[in-house]
Amino acid sequence: MDQKMNATTSTRQTGNRARVRRYRTYHRRIDYVPSPDVLPIIYHYLKVGTDPCLAGVIDYLVRTGHRAITGNGEK
């Protein structure tokens, strides 16, 4: 079997698109557009929270909301 790879094959397997495809296999992407009344809440937690990452703030708010609705932190 020929071990040579052309540039297209090599790029497909090792380029940025391939890396993102491998990452997305285990890390699902959810596109989310917050409502205008929710944006100030998100910005508030971005400022005062310990996690300056938007994904971390949304994770925190979802977990906190879940605990408030269900009364516990269980899945």
N, C-alpha and C. Protein backbone atom coordinates (compact mmCIF):
# COMPACT_ATOMS: atom_id res chain seq x y z
N MET A 1 0.84 -1.18 0.00
CA MET A 1 0.00 0.00 0.00
C MET A 1 0.88 1.24 0.00
N ASP A 2 0.50 2.23 -0.76
CA ASP A 2 1.28 3.45 -0.87
C ASP A 2 1.08 4.33 0.37
N GLN A 3 2.14 4.67 1.06
CA GLN A 3 2.07 5.46 2.29
C GLN A 3 2.07 6.96 2.05
N LYS A 4 2.25 7.37 0.80
CA LYS A 4 2.28 8.80 0.50
C LYS A 4 0.87 9.38 0.57
N MET A 5 0.79 10.58 1.13
CA MET A 5 -0.49 11.29 1.15
C MET A 5 -0.31 12.59 0.39
N ASN A 6 -1.29 12.92 -0.40
CA ASN A 6 -1.18 14.20 -1.08
C ASN A 6 -1.57 15.31 -0.11
N ALA A 7 -1.39 16.56 -0.49
CA ALA A 7 -1.63 17.70 0.39
C ALA A 7 -3.10 17.78 0.82
N THR A 8 -4.02 17.46 -0.07
CA THR A 8 -5.44 17.53 0.26
C THR A 8 -5.81 16.52 1.33
N THR A 9 -5.37 15.29 1.19
CA THR A 9 -5.66 14.26 2.17
C THR A 9 -5.04 14.60 3.51
N SER A 10 -3.79 15.04 3.50
CA SER A 10 -3.10 15.39 4.72
C SER A 10 -3.79 16.53 5.44
N THR A 11 -4.19 17.55 4.71
CA THR A 11 -4.87 18.69 5.31
C THR A 11 -6.21 18.27 5.88
N ARG A 12 -6.94 17.43 5.18
CA ARG A 12 -8.24 16.97 5.64
C ARG A 12 -8.14 16.23 6.97
N GLN A 13 -7.08 15.48 7.16
CA GLN A 13 -6.94 14.68 8.37
C GLN A 13 -6.30 15.45 9.53
N THR A 14 -5.54 16.50 9.22
CA THR A 14 -4.80 17.18 10.28
C THR A 14 -5.10 18.66 10.38
N GLY A 15 -5.88 19.20 9.50
CA GLY A 15 -6.16 20.64 9.51
C GLY A 15 -7.15 21.04 10.58
N ASN A 16 -7.46 22.32 10.60
CA ASN A 16 -8.37 22.87 11.61
C ASN A 16 -9.75 22.24 11.53
N ARG A 17 -10.26 22.01 10.32
CA ARG A 17 -11.59 21.41 10.20
C ARG A 17 -11.64 20.02 10.82
N ALA A 18 -10.59 19.25 10.61
CA ALA A 18 -10.53 17.91 11.19
C ALA A 18 -10.47 17.98 12.71
N ARG A 19 -9.70 18.92 13.22
CA ARG A 19 -9.59 19.09 14.67
C ARG A 19 -10.95 19.46 15.26
N VAL A 20 -11.65 20.39 14.63
CA VAL A 20 -12.96 20.80 15.11
C VAL A 20 -13.94 19.63 15.02
N ARG A 21 -13.89 18.87 13.93
CA ARG A 21 -14.78 17.71 13.77
C ARG A 21 -14.54 16.69 14.88
N ARG A 22 -13.28 16.43 15.21
CA ARG A 22 -12.97 15.50 16.30
C ARG A 22 -13.47 16.05 17.64
N TYR A 23 -13.27 17.33 17.87
CA TYR A 23 -13.71 17.96 19.11
C TYR A 23 -15.23 17.90 19.23
N ARG A 24 -15.95 18.19 18.15
CA ARG A 24 -17.40 18.21 18.16
C ARG A 24 -18.01 16.81 18.32
N THR A 25 -17.24 15.79 18.09
CA THR A 25 -17.72 14.43 18.31
C THR A 25 -18.11 14.24 19.77
N TYR A 26 -17.37 14.86 20.68
CA TYR A 26 -17.62 14.69 22.11
C TYR A 26 -18.15 15.94 22.79
N HIS A 27 -18.07 17.09 22.14
CA HIS A 27 -18.51 18.36 22.72
C HIS A 27 -19.57 18.97 21.81
N ARG A 28 -20.81 18.70 22.13
CA ARG A 28 -21.91 19.17 21.30
C ARG A 28 -22.01 20.70 21.34
N ARG A 29 -22.28 21.28 20.20
CA ARG A 29 -22.44 22.72 20.10
C ARG A 29 -23.93 23.05 20.08
N ILE A 30 -24.30 24.01 20.90
CA ILE A 30 -25.68 24.48 20.92
C ILE A 30 -25.64 25.98 20.62
N ASP A 31 -26.20 26.37 19.50
CA ASP A 31 -26.28 27.79 19.17
C ASP A 31 -27.40 28.39 20.00
N TYR A 32 -27.10 29.49 20.66
CA TYR A 32 -28.05 30.10 21.57
C TYR A 32 -28.03 31.60 21.38
N VAL A 33 -29.20 32.18 21.17
CA VAL A 33 -29.34 33.62 21.09
C VAL A 33 -30.21 34.05 22.26
N PRO A 34 -29.61 34.71 23.26
CA PRO A 34 -30.39 35.06 24.44
C PRO A 34 -31.42 36.16 24.15
N SER A 35 -32.50 36.12 24.89
CA SER A 35 -33.53 37.15 24.79
C SER A 35 -32.96 38.46 25.34
N PRO A 36 -33.49 39.57 24.87
CA PRO A 36 -32.99 40.87 25.35
C PRO A 36 -33.08 41.03 26.87
N ASP A 37 -34.09 40.45 27.51
CA ASP A 37 -34.20 40.58 28.96
C ASP A 37 -33.23 39.67 29.71
N VAL A 38 -32.63 38.72 29.02
CA VAL A 38 -31.68 37.81 29.65
C VAL A 38 -30.24 38.34 29.54
N LEU A 39 -29.96 39.14 28.54
CA LEU A 39 -28.60 39.66 28.34
C LEU A 39 -28.04 40.38 29.57
N PRO A 40 -28.79 41.26 30.23
CA PRO A 40 -28.22 41.90 31.42
C PRO A 40 -27.84 40.91 32.51
N ILE A 41 -28.59 39.83 32.64
CA ILE A 41 -28.27 38.81 33.65
C ILE A 41 -26.95 38.13 33.29
N ILE A 42 -26.79 37.79 32.03
CA ILE A 42 -25.55 37.14 31.58
C ILE A 42 -24.37 38.09 31.77
N TYR A 43 -24.53 39.35 31.38
CA TYR A 43 -23.44 40.34 31.54
C TYR A 43 -23.11 40.55 33.01
N HIS A 44 -24.12 40.54 33.87
CA HIS A 44 -23.88 40.69 35.31
C HIS A 44 -22.96 39.57 35.81
N TYR A 45 -23.29 38.33 35.47
CA TYR A 45 -22.48 37.21 35.94
C TYR A 45 -21.12 37.15 35.27
N LEU A 46 -21.00 37.70 34.08
CA LEU A 46 -19.68 37.79 33.45
C LEU A 46 -18.79 38.74 34.25
N LYS A 47 -19.38 39.83 34.75
CA LYS A 47 -18.61 40.82 35.52
C LYS A 47 -18.25 40.34 36.91
N VAL A 48 -19.23 39.81 37.64
CA VAL A 48 -19.02 39.49 39.06
C VAL A 48 -18.63 38.04 39.31
N GLY A 49 -18.83 37.20 38.35
CA GLY A 49 -18.56 35.77 38.56
C GLY A 49 -17.08 35.45 38.55
N THR A 50 -16.78 34.25 38.98
CA THR A 50 -15.39 33.79 38.99
C THR A 50 -14.97 33.25 37.63
N ASP A 51 -15.94 33.00 36.75
CA ASP A 51 -15.65 32.45 35.43
C ASP A 51 -15.92 33.53 34.38
N PRO A 52 -14.87 34.12 33.79
CA PRO A 52 -15.07 35.18 32.81
C PRO A 52 -15.42 34.67 31.41
N CYS A 53 -15.77 33.40 31.33
CA CYS A 53 -16.08 32.77 30.04
C CYS A 53 -17.60 32.71 29.86
N LEU A 54 -18.09 33.09 28.71
CA LEU A 54 -19.52 33.09 28.43
C LEU A 54 -20.12 31.70 28.61
N ALA A 55 -19.45 30.68 28.11
CA ALA A 55 -19.96 29.31 28.26
C ALA A 55 -20.05 28.92 29.74
N GLY A 56 -19.07 29.33 30.54
CA GLY A 56 -19.09 29.02 31.96
C GLY A 56 -20.24 29.70 32.67
N VAL A 57 -20.52 30.95 32.29
CA VAL A 57 -21.64 31.68 32.90
C VAL A 57 -22.97 31.02 32.54
N ILE A 58 -23.14 30.65 31.29
CA ILE A 58 -24.38 30.00 30.88
C ILE A 58 -24.53 28.65 31.58
N ASP A 59 -23.43 27.90 31.69
CA ASP A 59 -23.47 26.63 32.44
C ASP A 59 -23.91 26.87 33.88
N TYR A 60 -23.34 27.89 34.52
CA TYR A 60 -23.69 28.22 35.90
C TYR A 60 -25.18 28.56 36.02
N LEU A 61 -25.68 29.39 35.12
CA LEU A 61 -27.08 29.79 35.18
C LEU A 61 -28.02 28.61 34.95
N VAL A 62 -27.66 27.72 34.03
CA VAL A 62 -28.50 26.55 33.77
C VAL A 62 -28.51 25.63 34.99
N ARG A 63 -27.34 25.38 35.57
CA ARG A 63 -27.28 24.51 36.76
C ARG A 63 -28.06 25.11 37.92
N THR A 64 -27.89 26.42 38.13
CA THR A 64 -28.60 27.09 39.23
C THR A 64 -30.11 27.05 38.99
N GLY A 65 -30.53 27.29 37.78
CA GLY A 65 -31.95 27.21 37.45
C GLY A 65 -32.49 25.81 37.64
N HIS A 66 -31.71 24.82 37.27
CA HIS A 66 -32.13 23.43 37.45
C HIS A 66 -32.33 23.11 38.93
N ARG A 67 -31.37 23.53 39.75
CA ARG A 67 -31.50 23.29 41.20
C ARG A 67 -32.72 24.01 41.76
N ALA A 68 -32.98 25.22 41.30
CA ALA A 68 -34.13 25.98 41.79
C ALA A 68 -35.45 25.33 41.40
N ILE A 69 -35.50 24.80 40.19
CA ILE A 69 -36.74 24.18 39.71
C ILE A 69 -36.98 22.82 40.35
N THR A 70 -35.94 22.02 40.44
CA THR A 70 -36.11 20.65 40.93
C THR A 70 -35.92 20.52 42.43
N GLY A 71 -35.27 21.49 43.04
CA GLY A 71 -35.02 21.41 44.46
C GLY A 71 -33.74 20.66 44.82
N ASN A 72 -33.02 20.23 43.81
CA ASN A 72 -31.75 19.54 44.07
C ASN A 72 -30.84 19.67 42.86
N GLY A 73 -29.66 19.16 42.98
CA GLY A 73 -28.70 19.24 41.89
C GLY A 73 -28.62 17.98 41.08
N GLU A 74 -29.56 17.07 41.27
CA GLU A 74 -29.53 15.80 40.54
C GLU A 74 -29.88 15.99 39.08
N LYS A 75 -29.39 15.09 38.29
CA LYS A 75 -29.68 15.12 36.84
C LYS A 75 -31.08 14.64 36.57
